[in-house]
Amino acid sequence: MFTQNFASVTNLNTQLVQVTPTLIAALGMALVIGTEGVDLSVGSVMALSAALLPLYLGYGLAPALLVALLGGALCGLFSGTLVAVAGIQPIVATLALLVGGRGLALVIANGQLKDIHNPALLEIGAGRVVGVPIVVVIAAALTLVIGFLVRYTTFGRQLVAVGGNRSASALAGLPVRRVLMVTYAISGVLAAVAGVVATARLTAADPSAIGQLAELAAITAVVVGGTPLSGGRVRVLGTVAGALLMQLISATLIKNNLPTSASLLVQAAIIIVAVFLQRRSRA
């Protein structure tokens, strides 16, 4: 209403493309929060996957993608092991990787931005399928996969049960440790995919910039989308709606010449309001 030409096909298409990395990372975050945890490392995992890509693109796109996704899976498995086996609080376990993961990414990339010249990877960032950007197709496909996983599989029901009451789930014979480790591993893989998408869009691997504050954006999308921080529920479509809402709000502020810092303040305020409303709803 307040931004000229905002409700245009071109602008909405741009907003969809820009939100895809956040949305993909938020899908993994929703699963982790559903177990009553949190993954603060998604931004660093995005940076790590971006740093790994250029090292193996000489062997082809498929090996490079495999290494990047494997790196994300190992990071998630590391965090999941600390949470499930060592009993460390999720915020502490993933905070360690938040710091160390980006540091490792910068070491791998020698602290330098590396341009991407692989045509297949660049096609992912700029190509279209029947007029729809490939990155949007990837995000939509992953949304369907995660939605199916949560709603129609045994693992999805176990995940929700563990988040609702971990002790009762263990007493009922559910594989609590395995569920937690797999959940964090999936979050790591999705964060790696988000890093690949961001790299393809930027046409460069920049570990110092890719994934910055991605964890804030992902948590905001999940919480605004209706997934409670107390666990026991995962709202996949709500997460998508939350990511789109936050993207549109940020874009509106920027297009009206407000600084990026204003957007961050708005996101923080929305998180507080969303959590407050959830608490009142549960009460």
C-alpha atoms as a PDB file:
ATOM      1  CA  MET A   1       0.000   0.000   0.000  1.00  0.00           C
ATOM      2  CA  PHE A   2       2.855   2.397   0.786  1.00  0.00           C
ATOM      3  CA  THR A   3       5.412   1.291  -1.811  1.00  0.00           C
ATOM      4  CA  GLN A   4       5.124   2.201  -5.462  1.00  0.00           C
ATOM      5  CA  ASN A   5       5.068  -0.773  -7.878  1.00  0.00           C
ATOM      6  CA  PHE A   6       5.386  -3.197  -4.974  1.00  0.00           C
ATOM      7  CA  ALA A   7       2.470  -5.372  -6.081  1.00  0.00           C
ATOM      8  CA  SER A   8       3.998  -6.131  -9.472  1.00  0.00           C
ATOM      9  CA  VAL A   9       4.891  -9.520 -10.917  1.00  0.00           C
ATOM     10  CA  THR A  10       8.534  -8.528 -11.326  1.00  0.00           C
ATOM     11  CA  ASN A  11       8.899  -7.397  -7.736  1.00  0.00           C
ATOM     12  CA  LEU A  12       7.094 -10.391  -6.272  1.00  0.00           C
ATOM     13  CA  ASN A  13       9.293 -12.682  -8.383  1.00  0.00           C
ATOM     14  CA  THR A  14      12.347 -10.894  -6.981  1.00  0.00           C
ATOM     15  CA  GLN A  15      11.102 -11.330  -3.410  1.00  0.00           C
ATOM     16  CA  LEU A  16      10.565 -15.067  -3.944  1.00  0.00           C
ATOM     17  CA  VAL A  17      14.102 -15.494  -5.269  1.00  0.00           C
ATOM     18  CA  GLN A  18      15.616 -13.501  -2.410  1.00  0.00           C
ATOM     19  CA  VAL A  19      13.774 -15.414   0.308  1.00  0.00           C
ATOM     20  CA  THR A  20      14.752 -18.914  -0.882  1.00  0.00           C
ATOM     21  CA  PRO A  21      17.986 -19.312   1.168  1.00  0.00           C
ATOM     22  CA  THR A  22      16.212 -18.175   4.342  1.00  0.00           C
ATOM     23  CA  LEU A  23      13.215 -20.384   3.621  1.00  0.00           C
ATOM     24  CA  ILE A  24      15.334 -23.495   3.017  1.00  0.00           C
ATOM     25  CA  ALA A  25      17.333 -22.928   6.214  1.00  0.00           C
ATOM     26  CA  ALA A  26      14.085 -22.245   8.110  1.00  0.00           C
ATOM     27  CA  LEU A  27      12.670 -25.645   7.112  1.00  0.00           C
ATOM     28  CA  GLY A  28      15.529 -27.343   8.944  1.00  0.00           C
ATOM     29  CA  MET A  29      15.201 -24.916  11.845  1.00  0.00           C
ATOM     30  CA  ALA A  30      11.506 -25.818  12.159  1.00  0.00           C
ATOM     31  CA  LEU A  31      12.389 -29.490  12.617  1.00  0.00           C
ATOM     32  CA  VAL A  32      14.968 -28.690  15.296  1.00  0.00           C
ATOM     33  CA  ILE A  33      12.635 -26.328  17.159  1.00  0.00           C
ATOM     34  CA  GLY A  34       9.985 -29.047  16.931  1.00  0.00           C
ATOM     35  CA  THR A  35      12.258 -31.176  19.141  1.00  0.00           C
ATOM     36  CA  GLU A  36      12.441 -28.305  21.667  1.00  0.00           C
ATOM     37  CA  GLY A  37      15.887 -27.331  20.435  1.00  0.00           C
ATOM     38  CA  VAL A  38      17.437 -24.595  18.347  1.00  0.00           C
ATOM     39  CA  ASP A  39      20.157 -24.528  15.698  1.00  0.00           C
ATOM     40  CA  LEU A  40      22.249 -21.368  15.829  1.00  0.00           C
ATOM     41  CA  SER A  41      24.777 -22.785  13.370  1.00  0.00           C
ATOM     42  CA  VAL A  42      22.748 -22.603  10.138  1.00  0.00           C
ATOM     43  CA  GLY A  43      24.452 -19.406   8.972  1.00  0.00           C
ATOM     44  CA  SER A  44      27.922 -20.838   9.558  1.00  0.00           C
ATOM     45  CA  VAL A  45      26.979 -24.069   7.787  1.00  0.00           C
ATOM     46  CA  MET A  46      25.816 -21.993   4.812  1.00  0.00           C
ATOM     47  CA  ALA A  47      29.217 -20.273   4.776  1.00  0.00           C
ATOM     48  CA  LEU A  48      31.021 -23.616   5.074  1.00  0.00           C
ATOM     49  CA  SER A  49      29.146 -25.135   2.126  1.00  0.00           C
ATOM     50  CA  ALA A  50      29.920 -22.002   0.104  1.00  0.00           C
ATOM     51  CA  ALA A  51      33.621 -22.390   0.938  1.00  0.00           C
ATOM     52  CA  LEU A  52      33.673 -26.087  -0.006  1.00  0.00           C
ATOM     53  CA  LEU A  53      31.972 -25.659  -3.396  1.00  0.00           C
ATOM     54  CA  PRO A  54      34.832 -23.995  -5.347  1.00  0.00           C
ATOM     55  CA  LEU A  55      37.336 -26.598  -4.136  1.00  0.00           C
ATOM     56  CA  TYR A  56      35.607 -29.404  -6.009  1.00  0.00           C
ATOM     57  CA  LEU A  57      33.871 -27.694  -8.941  1.00  0.00           C
ATOM     58  CA  GLY A  58      36.819 -28.755 -11.093  1.00  0.00           C
ATOM     59  CA  TYR A  59      35.550 -32.329 -10.781  1.00  0.00           C
ATOM     60  CA  GLY A  60      32.053 -31.324 -11.874  1.00  0.00           C
ATOM     61  CA  LEU A  61      28.938 -29.945 -10.223  1.00  0.00           C
ATOM     62  CA  ALA A  62      27.703 -33.244  -8.763  1.00  0.00           C
ATOM     63  CA  PRO A  63      30.862 -34.023  -6.712  1.00  0.00           C
ATOM     64  CA  ALA A  64      31.029 -30.416  -5.502  1.00  0.00           C
ATOM     65  CA  LEU A  65      27.392 -30.472  -4.383  1.00  0.00           C
ATOM     66  CA  LEU A  66      27.909 -33.836  -2.693  1.00  0.00           C
ATOM     67  CA  VAL A  67      30.874 -32.543  -0.694  1.00  0.00           C
ATOM     68  CA  ALA A  68      29.015 -29.358   0.287  1.00  0.00           C
ATOM     69  CA  LEU A  69      25.948 -31.294   1.464  1.00  0.00           C
ATOM     70  CA  LEU A  70      28.114 -33.852   3.243  1.00  0.00           C
ATOM     71  CA  GLY A  71      29.836 -31.025   5.091  1.00  0.00           C
ATOM     72  CA  GLY A  72      26.454 -29.720   6.221  1.00  0.00           C
ATOM     73  CA  ALA A  73      25.329 -33.186   7.309  1.00  0.00           C
ATOM     74  CA  LEU A  74      28.505 -33.711   9.373  1.00  0.00           C
ATOM     75  CA  CYS A  75      28.060 -30.330  11.057  1.00  0.00           C
ATOM     76  CA  GLY A  76      24.464 -31.180  11.940  1.00  0.00           C
ATOM     77  CA  LEU A  77      25.468 -34.641  13.124  1.00  0.00           C
ATOM     78  CA  PHE A  78      28.132 -33.083  15.335  1.00  0.00           C
ATOM     79  CA  SER A  79      25.609 -30.755  16.963  1.00  0.00           C
ATOM     80  CA  GLY A  80      23.058 -33.552  17.269  1.00  0.00           C
ATOM     81  CA  THR A  81      25.600 -35.805  18.975  1.00  0.00           C
ATOM     82  CA  LEU A  82      26.444 -33.112  21.506  1.00  0.00           C
ATOM     83  CA  VAL A  83      22.741 -32.646  22.259  1.00  0.00           C
ATOM     84  CA  ALA A  84      21.578 -36.273  22.188  1.00  0.00           C
ATOM     85  CA  VAL A  85      24.587 -38.137  23.575  1.00  0.00           C
ATOM     86  CA  ALA A  86      26.566 -35.607  25.605  1.00  0.00           C
ATOM     87  CA  GLY A  87      23.417 -33.945  26.951  1.00  0.00           C
ATOM     88  CA  ILE A  88      24.605 -30.418  26.125  1.00  0.00           C
ATOM     89  CA  GLN A  89      21.940 -27.751  25.764  1.00  0.00           C
ATOM     90  CA  PRO A  90      21.119 -27.142  22.065  1.00  0.00           C
ATOM     91  CA  ILE A  91      21.830 -23.413  22.283  1.00  0.00           C
ATOM     92  CA  VAL A  92      25.330 -24.129  23.642  1.00  0.00           C
ATOM     93  CA  ALA A  93      26.103 -26.981  21.257  1.00  0.00           C
ATOM     94  CA  THR A  94      25.114 -25.031  18.160  1.00  0.00           C
ATOM     95  CA  LEU A  95      26.663 -21.799  19.449  1.00  0.00           C
ATOM     96  CA  ALA A  96      30.051 -23.535  19.366  1.00  0.00           C
ATOM     97  CA  LEU A  97      29.512 -24.399  15.710  1.00  0.00           C
ATOM     98  CA  LEU A  98      28.199 -20.908  15.009  1.00  0.00           C
ATOM     99  CA  VAL A  99      31.625 -19.551  15.891  1.00  0.00           C
ATOM    100  CA  GLY A 100      33.831 -22.434  14.764  1.00  0.00           C
ATOM    101  CA  GLY A 101      31.975 -23.206  11.540  1.00  0.00           C
ATOM    102  CA  ARG A 102      32.445 -19.768  10.024  1.00  0.00           C
ATOM    103  CA  GLY A 103      36.039 -19.735  11.182  1.00  0.00           C
ATOM    104  CA  LEU A 104      36.627 -23.045   9.413  1.00  0.00           C
ATOM    105  CA  ALA A 105      34.933 -21.703   6.284  1.00  0.00           C
ATOM    106  CA  LEU A 106      37.233 -18.672   6.255  1.00  0.00           C
ATOM    107  CA  VAL A 107      40.269 -20.911   6.696  1.00  0.00           C
ATOM    108  CA  ILE A 108      39.191 -23.138   3.791  1.00  0.00           C
ATOM    109  CA  ALA A 109      38.637 -20.100   1.555  1.00  0.00           C
ATOM    110  CA  ASN A 110      41.796 -18.353   2.807  1.00  0.00           C
ATOM    111  CA  GLY A 111      39.546 -15.476   3.801  1.00  0.00           C
ATOM    112  CA  GLN A 112      38.939 -14.622   0.147  1.00  0.00           C
ATOM    113  CA  LEU A 113      35.923 -14.276  -2.096  1.00  0.00           C
ATOM    114  CA  LYS A 114      36.050 -16.756  -4.975  1.00  0.00           C
ATOM    115  CA  ASP A 115      34.166 -16.148  -8.202  1.00  0.00           C
ATOM    116  CA  ILE A 116      32.069 -18.981  -9.603  1.00  0.00           C
ATOM    117  CA  HIS A 117      32.403 -19.763 -13.308  1.00  0.00           C
ATOM    118  CA  ASN A 118      30.738 -23.194 -13.446  1.00  0.00           C
ATOM    119  CA  PRO A 119      27.840 -22.860 -15.962  1.00  0.00           C
ATOM    120  CA  ALA A 120      25.716 -25.546 -14.313  1.00  0.00           C
ATOM    121  CA  LEU A 121      25.904 -23.907 -10.880  1.00  0.00           C
ATOM    122  CA  LEU A 122      25.244 -20.457 -12.325  1.00  0.00           C
ATOM    123  CA  GLU A 123      22.210 -21.903 -14.100  1.00  0.00           C
ATOM    124  CA  ILE A 124      20.806 -22.911 -10.723  1.00  0.00           C
ATOM    125  CA  GLY A 125      21.056 -19.319  -9.541  1.00  0.00           C
ATOM    126  CA  ALA A 126      19.700 -17.609 -12.653  1.00  0.00           C
ATOM    127  CA  GLY A 127      17.860 -20.289 -14.652  1.00  0.00           C
ATOM    128  CA  ARG A 128      14.138 -20.883 -14.958  1.00  0.00           C
ATOM    129  CA  VAL A 129      11.823 -23.831 -15.413  1.00  0.00           C
ATOM    130  CA  VAL A 130       8.640 -22.933 -17.306  1.00  0.00           C
ATOM    131  CA  GLY A 131       9.199 -19.321 -16.299  1.00  0.00           C
ATOM    132  CA  VAL A 132       9.724 -20.134 -12.617  1.00  0.00           C
ATOM    133  CA  PRO A 133      13.206 -19.530 -11.124  1.00  0.00           C
ATOM    134  CA  ILE A 134      15.029 -22.769 -10.394  1.00  0.00           C
ATOM    135  CA  VAL A 135      15.807 -21.679  -6.830  1.00  0.00           C
ATOM    136  CA  VAL A 136      12.081 -21.226  -6.176  1.00  0.00           C
ATOM    137  CA  VAL A 137      11.405 -24.706  -7.583  1.00  0.00           C
ATOM    138  CA  ILE A 138      14.072 -26.128  -5.261  1.00  0.00           C
ATOM    139  CA  ALA A 139      12.543 -24.386  -2.240  1.00  0.00           C
ATOM    140  CA  ALA A 140       9.043 -25.598  -3.166  1.00  0.00           C
ATOM    141  CA  ALA A 141      10.250 -29.179  -3.631  1.00  0.00           C
ATOM    142  CA  LEU A 142      12.035 -29.175  -0.278  1.00  0.00           C
ATOM    143  CA  THR A 143       8.923 -27.747   1.386  1.00  0.00           C
ATOM    144  CA  LEU A 144       6.873 -30.659   0.042  1.00  0.00           C
ATOM    145  CA  VAL A 145       9.487 -33.182   1.171  1.00  0.00           C
ATOM    146  CA  ILE A 146       9.715 -31.776   4.704  1.00  0.00           C
ATOM    147  CA  GLY A 147       5.930 -31.472   4.921  1.00  0.00           C
ATOM    148  CA  PHE A 148       5.542 -35.122   3.918  1.00  0.00           C
ATOM    149  CA  LEU A 149       8.294 -36.144   6.351  1.00  0.00           C
ATOM    150  CA  VAL A 150       6.605 -34.443   9.299  1.00  0.00           C
ATOM    151  CA  ARG A 151       3.032 -35.423   8.524  1.00  0.00           C
ATOM    152  CA  TYR A 152       3.160 -38.904   7.018  1.00  0.00           C
ATOM    153  CA  THR A 153       6.289 -40.709   8.242  1.00  0.00           C
ATOM    154  CA  THR A 154       7.141 -42.527  11.451  1.00  0.00           C
ATOM    155  CA  PHE A 155      10.190 -40.334  11.893  1.00  0.00           C
ATOM    156  CA  GLY A 156       8.033 -37.198  11.735  1.00  0.00           C
ATOM    157  CA  ARG A 157       5.712 -38.484  14.440  1.00  0.00           C
ATOM    158  CA  GLN A 158       8.658 -39.507  16.587  1.00  0.00           C
ATOM    159  CA  LEU A 159      10.180 -36.048  16.157  1.00  0.00           C
ATOM    160  CA  VAL A 160       6.998 -34.354  17.363  1.00  0.00           C
ATOM    161  CA  ALA A 161       6.677 -36.801  20.261  1.00  0.00           C
ATOM    162  CA  VAL A 162      10.261 -36.172  21.380  1.00  0.00           C
ATOM    163  CA  GLY A 163       9.657 -32.436  21.270  1.00  0.00           C
ATOM    164  CA  GLY A 164       6.439 -32.766  23.241  1.00  0.00           C
ATOM    165  CA  ASN A 165       7.943 -34.853  26.053  1.00  0.00           C
ATOM    166  CA  ARG A 166      11.428 -36.302  25.712  1.00  0.00           C
ATOM    167  CA  SER A 167      11.299 -38.333  28.923  1.00  0.00           C
ATOM    168  CA  ALA A 168       7.944 -39.912  28.098  1.00  0.00           C
ATOM    169  CA  SER A 169       9.168 -40.704  24.586  1.00  0.00           C
ATOM    170  CA  ALA A 170      12.214 -42.498  26.003  1.00  0.00           C
ATOM    171  CA  LEU A 171      10.048 -44.465  28.432  1.00  0.00           C
ATOM    172  CA  ALA A 172       7.752 -45.400  25.551  1.00  0.00           C
ATOM    173  CA  GLY A 173      10.708 -46.936  23.724  1.00  0.00           C
ATOM    174  CA  LEU A 174      11.208 -44.300  21.041  1.00  0.00           C
ATOM    175  CA  PRO A 175      14.787 -43.893  19.711  1.00  0.00           C
ATOM    176  CA  VAL A 176      15.184 -40.392  21.166  1.00  0.00           C
ATOM    177  CA  ARG A 177      18.927 -40.081  20.548  1.00  0.00           C
ATOM    178  CA  ARG A 178      18.655 -41.225  16.942  1.00  0.00           C
ATOM    179  CA  VAL A 179      15.745 -38.887  16.250  1.00  0.00           C
ATOM    180  CA  LEU A 180      17.663 -35.909  17.623  1.00  0.00           C
ATOM    181  CA  MET A 181      20.852 -36.731  15.707  1.00  0.00           C
ATOM    182  CA  VAL A 182      18.992 -37.237  12.430  1.00  0.00           C
ATOM    183  CA  THR A 183      16.999 -34.036  12.953  1.00  0.00           C
ATOM    184  CA  TYR A 184      20.116 -31.922  13.413  1.00  0.00           C
ATOM    185  CA  ALA A 185      21.760 -33.668  10.455  1.00  0.00           C
ATOM    186  CA  ILE A 186      18.775 -32.779   8.248  1.00  0.00           C
ATOM    187  CA  SER A 187      18.992 -29.190   9.459  1.00  0.00           C
ATOM    188  CA  GLY A 188      22.679 -29.164   8.497  1.00  0.00           C
ATOM    189  CA  VAL A 189      21.944 -30.520   5.018  1.00  0.00           C
ATOM    190  CA  LEU A 190      19.210 -27.941   4.425  1.00  0.00           C
ATOM    191  CA  ALA A 191      21.523 -25.159   5.611  1.00  0.00           C
ATOM    192  CA  ALA A 192      24.144 -26.434   3.150  1.00  0.00           C
ATOM    193  CA  VAL A 193      21.550 -26.353   0.351  1.00  0.00           C
ATOM    194  CA  ALA A 194      20.739 -22.771   1.355  1.00  0.00           C
ATOM    195  CA  GLY A 195      24.445 -21.948   1.123  1.00  0.00           C
ATOM    196  CA  VAL A 196      24.678 -23.478  -2.344  1.00  0.00           C
ATOM    197  CA  VAL A 197      21.632 -21.502  -3.502  1.00  0.00           C
ATOM    198  CA  ALA A 198      23.041 -18.274  -2.074  1.00  0.00           C
ATOM    199  CA  THR A 199      26.384 -18.928  -3.774  1.00  0.00           C
ATOM    200  CA  ALA A 200      24.711 -19.636  -7.102  1.00  0.00           C
ATOM    201  CA  ARG A 201      22.712 -16.420  -6.867  1.00  0.00           C
ATOM    202  CA  LEU A 202      25.719 -14.300  -5.925  1.00  0.00           C
ATOM    203  CA  THR A 203      27.934 -16.038  -8.547  1.00  0.00           C
ATOM    204  CA  ALA A 204      30.659 -16.046  -5.884  1.00  0.00           C
ATOM    205  CA  ALA A 205      31.590 -17.945  -2.741  1.00  0.00           C
ATOM    206  CA  ASP A 206      31.992 -15.416   0.063  1.00  0.00           C
ATOM    207  CA  PRO A 207      32.146 -17.203   3.459  1.00  0.00           C
ATOM    208  CA  SER A 208      32.482 -13.898   5.285  1.00  0.00           C
ATOM    209  CA  ALA A 209      29.085 -12.686   4.038  1.00  0.00           C
ATOM    210  CA  ILE A 210      26.968 -15.711   3.120  1.00  0.00           C
ATOM    211  CA  GLY A 211      24.738 -16.805   5.980  1.00  0.00           C
ATOM    212  CA  GLN A 212      25.244 -13.690   8.105  1.00  0.00           C
ATOM    213  CA  LEU A 213      22.325 -13.499  10.579  1.00  0.00           C
ATOM    214  CA  ALA A 214      20.646 -16.386   8.734  1.00  0.00           C
ATOM    215  CA  GLU A 215      19.902 -18.036  12.075  1.00  0.00           C
ATOM    216  CA  LEU A 216      17.926 -14.949  13.175  1.00  0.00           C
ATOM    217  CA  ALA A 217      15.918 -14.915   9.962  1.00  0.00           C
ATOM    218  CA  ALA A 218      15.243 -18.661  10.154  1.00  0.00           C
ATOM    219  CA  ILE A 219      14.137 -18.583  13.789  1.00  0.00           C
ATOM    220  CA  THR A 220      11.895 -15.602  13.049  1.00  0.00           C
ATOM    221  CA  ALA A 221      10.232 -17.399  10.131  1.00  0.00           C
ATOM    222  CA  VAL A 222       9.620 -20.505  12.240  1.00  0.00           C
ATOM    223  CA  VAL A 223       8.257 -18.667  15.281  1.00  0.00           C
ATOM    224  CA  VAL A 224       6.071 -16.300  13.252  1.00  0.00           C
ATOM    225  CA  GLY A 225       4.843 -19.334  11.321  1.00  0.00           C
ATOM    226  CA  GLY A 226       3.358 -20.851  14.476  1.00  0.00           C
ATOM    227  CA  THR A 227       5.912 -23.466  15.550  1.00  0.00           C
ATOM    228  CA  PRO A 228       6.248 -23.055  19.353  1.00  0.00           C
ATOM    229  CA  LEU A 229       9.708 -22.784  20.868  1.00  0.00           C
ATOM    230  CA  SER A 230       8.557 -25.300  23.478  1.00  0.00           C
ATOM    231  CA  GLY A 231       8.552 -28.026  20.819  1.00  0.00           C
ATOM    232  CA  GLY A 232       6.001 -30.736  20.084  1.00  0.00           C
ATOM    233  CA  ARG A 233       4.717 -29.191  16.869  1.00  0.00           C
ATOM    234  CA  VAL A 234       6.096 -28.337  13.420  1.00  0.00           C
ATOM    235  CA  ARG A 235       4.235 -25.961  11.116  1.00  0.00           C
ATOM    236  CA  VAL A 236       5.836 -26.347   7.672  1.00  0.00           C
ATOM    237  CA  LEU A 237       3.446 -24.154   5.677  1.00  0.00           C
ATOM    238  CA  GLY A 238       3.455 -21.678   8.545  1.00  0.00           C
ATOM    239  CA  THR A 239       7.240 -21.499   8.276  1.00  0.00           C
ATOM    240  CA  VAL A 240       6.927 -20.714   4.563  1.00  0.00           C
ATOM    241  CA  ALA A 241       4.381 -17.992   5.314  1.00  0.00           C
ATOM    242  CA  GLY A 242       6.592 -16.598   8.066  1.00  0.00           C
ATOM    243  CA  ALA A 243       9.632 -16.416   5.787  1.00  0.00           C
ATOM    244  CA  LEU A 244       7.618 -14.686   3.049  1.00  0.00           C
ATOM    245  CA  LEU A 245       6.097 -12.227   5.521  1.00  0.00           C
ATOM    246  CA  MET A 246       9.485 -11.234   6.953  1.00  0.00           C
ATOM    247  CA  GLN A 247      10.943 -10.865   3.448  1.00  0.00           C
ATOM    248  CA  LEU A 248       8.096  -8.589   2.362  1.00  0.00           C
ATOM    249  CA  ILE A 249       8.418  -6.487   5.520  1.00  0.00           C
ATOM    250  CA  SER A 250      12.184  -6.114   5.049  1.00  0.00           C
ATOM    251  CA  ALA A 251      11.774  -5.247   1.374  1.00  0.00           C
ATOM    252  CA  THR A 252       9.101  -2.665   2.192  1.00  0.00           C
ATOM    253  CA  LEU A 253      11.325  -0.937   4.747  1.00  0.00           C
ATOM    254  CA  ILE A 254      14.303  -0.895   2.391  1.00  0.00           C
ATOM    255  CA  LYS A 255      12.254   0.369  -0.551  1.00  0.00           C
ATOM    256  CA  ASN A 256      11.051   3.225   1.647  1.00  0.00           C
ATOM    257  CA  ASN A 257      14.670   4.259   2.316  1.00  0.00           C
ATOM    258  CA  LEU A 258      14.870   2.882   5.839  1.00  0.00           C
ATOM    259  CA  PRO A 259      18.224   1.333   6.872  1.00  0.00           C
ATOM    260  CA  THR A 260      18.787  -2.409   7.227  1.00  0.00           C
ATOM    261  CA  SER A 261      19.115  -1.908  10.979  1.00  0.00           C
ATOM    262  CA  ALA A 262      15.446  -0.893  11.067  1.00  0.00           C
ATOM    263  CA  SER A 263      14.535  -4.203   9.452  1.00  0.00           C
ATOM    264  CA  LEU A 264      16.454  -6.107  12.138  1.00  0.00           C
ATOM    265  CA  LEU A 265      14.684  -4.171  14.879  1.00  0.00           C
ATOM    266  CA  VAL A 266      11.319  -4.994  13.316  1.00  0.00           C
ATOM    267  CA  GLN A 267      12.248  -8.687  13.148  1.00  0.00           C
ATOM    268  CA  ALA A 268      13.238  -8.656  16.823  1.00  0.00           C
ATOM    269  CA  ALA A 269       9.953  -6.999  17.782  1.00  0.00           C
ATOM    270  CA  ILE A 270       7.949  -9.500  15.750  1.00  0.00           C
ATOM    271  CA  ILE A 271       9.718 -12.423  17.468  1.00  0.00           C
ATOM    272  CA  ILE A 272       8.772 -11.031  20.893  1.00  0.00           C
ATOM    273  CA  VAL A 273       5.155 -10.474  19.866  1.00  0.00           C
ATOM    274  CA  ALA A 274       4.880 -13.935  18.264  1.00  0.00           C
ATOM    275  CA  VAL A 275       6.249 -15.709  21.353  1.00  0.00           C
ATOM    276  CA  PHE A 276       3.963 -13.675  23.612  1.00  0.00           C
ATOM    277  CA  LEU A 277       0.902 -14.592  21.525  1.00  0.00           C
ATOM    278  CA  GLN A 278       1.902 -18.262  21.562  1.00  0.00           C
ATOM    279  CA  ARG A 279       2.194 -18.220  25.349  1.00  0.00           C
ATOM    280  CA  ARG A 280      -1.245 -16.647  25.684  1.00  0.00           C
ATOM    281  CA  SER A 281      -2.699 -19.161  23.226  1.00  0.00           C
ATOM    282  CA  ARG A 282      -1.300 -22.138  25.182  1.00  0.00           C
ATOM    283  CA  ALA A 283      -2.554 -20.637  28.438  1.00  0.00           C
END
